[in-house]
Amino acid sequence: MKKIIVVGSLNTDMVIRAPYCPKGGETLTGSDFMVNCGGKGANQATAAAKLGGNVLMCGCVGDDMFGENLINHLAFAGVNTRHVRKVAGTPTGTAVIIVTNGENRIVLDKGANACLSAEDIDAVLSEAREGDIYLTQLENPIDVIGYGLKRAKEKGLVTILNPAPADRAISKYFTYVDFITPNESELELFGGKEALFANGIRAVITTLGGDGYEYADKEGVKQYPCISVKVVDTTAAGDTFCGGMCAELAIGKPLNEAMAFGSKAASITCTRRGAATAIPYRNEVENWK
């Protein structure tokens, strides 16, 4: 089995349901408040581990109770956390999430995520071998994320970028990306598939929400459906797709099977509230009817 190295953000998510998003100056009564472990990096690492992968997480948390809780949560899910660094005097990243009609409105404070460094990248990549999988996102400093993609590609890893939240500044590092996994709005921001191919990306895997996902390379485009479920909360669905796909690739499954597995796991995540806690285990995906 190949290692899966996830470099990315670790956040505490504070979630509340509301009938609609409040206007400026408006106080609105919500419900079902909950606190979750989240952040795209932590979610993807958790998904990859719960779905069967050998996962190393690289990122930063604050020296507060939220950071300690995140480390413990990752470890419980089976993630190796020795490359999660505590930053003194800095709060752990925080996301405030308002859920309206099953969709999320998110306000993010990066906190310790802004402290991720090239040294952190070098440390985790010292454990990597050719053919391992490198998965990252854009909730940390862009130049550091770009440095990680470059170093991972130089070491012969399979590089996967989930370009969220979308930031055009990452474009200069696309030549080091094998697979990119945008949603439809992120794909549009980067100029579409042809623009991504022109910048050196090998393949584009676009998540389409309830319509499934699309695989595109220079040879053509094919769309695949997802399983039908009753959606409760879409938080971490895209992260589950990425983590599940990586878990399958790490055991040698072909890409088409890996994408289908990730999509099924993501659909199951949508049937539950929360972020990392909503992500299913491998046996749940395999036994889902």
Foldseek 3Di string as FASTA:
>chain_A
DFEEEFEFAKAKEWEWEFQDDDDPPDDGDTDDTDIAIDTLRLLLQLLLLLQAHAYEYAAEAEPDPSLVVSLVVSVVSPYHDPRYYYDYPKHGKYWYWYAHPQDIDIDIDRIRLQVDALVSLVVVCVPHAAAHEYEYEPSYPLVSVLSSLVVCVVRRYQYEYAHPPPDCVNLLSLLSHAEYEYEPVSCVVCPHDVSSVVSHHAWYWYQDPQQGIKIDGPVGIDGDGADDDDFDHQAQLSSQQNSQLSSCVRVPDDNVVSNRLSRLQSRQLRNDDDRSVSGHGNVCSVPPD
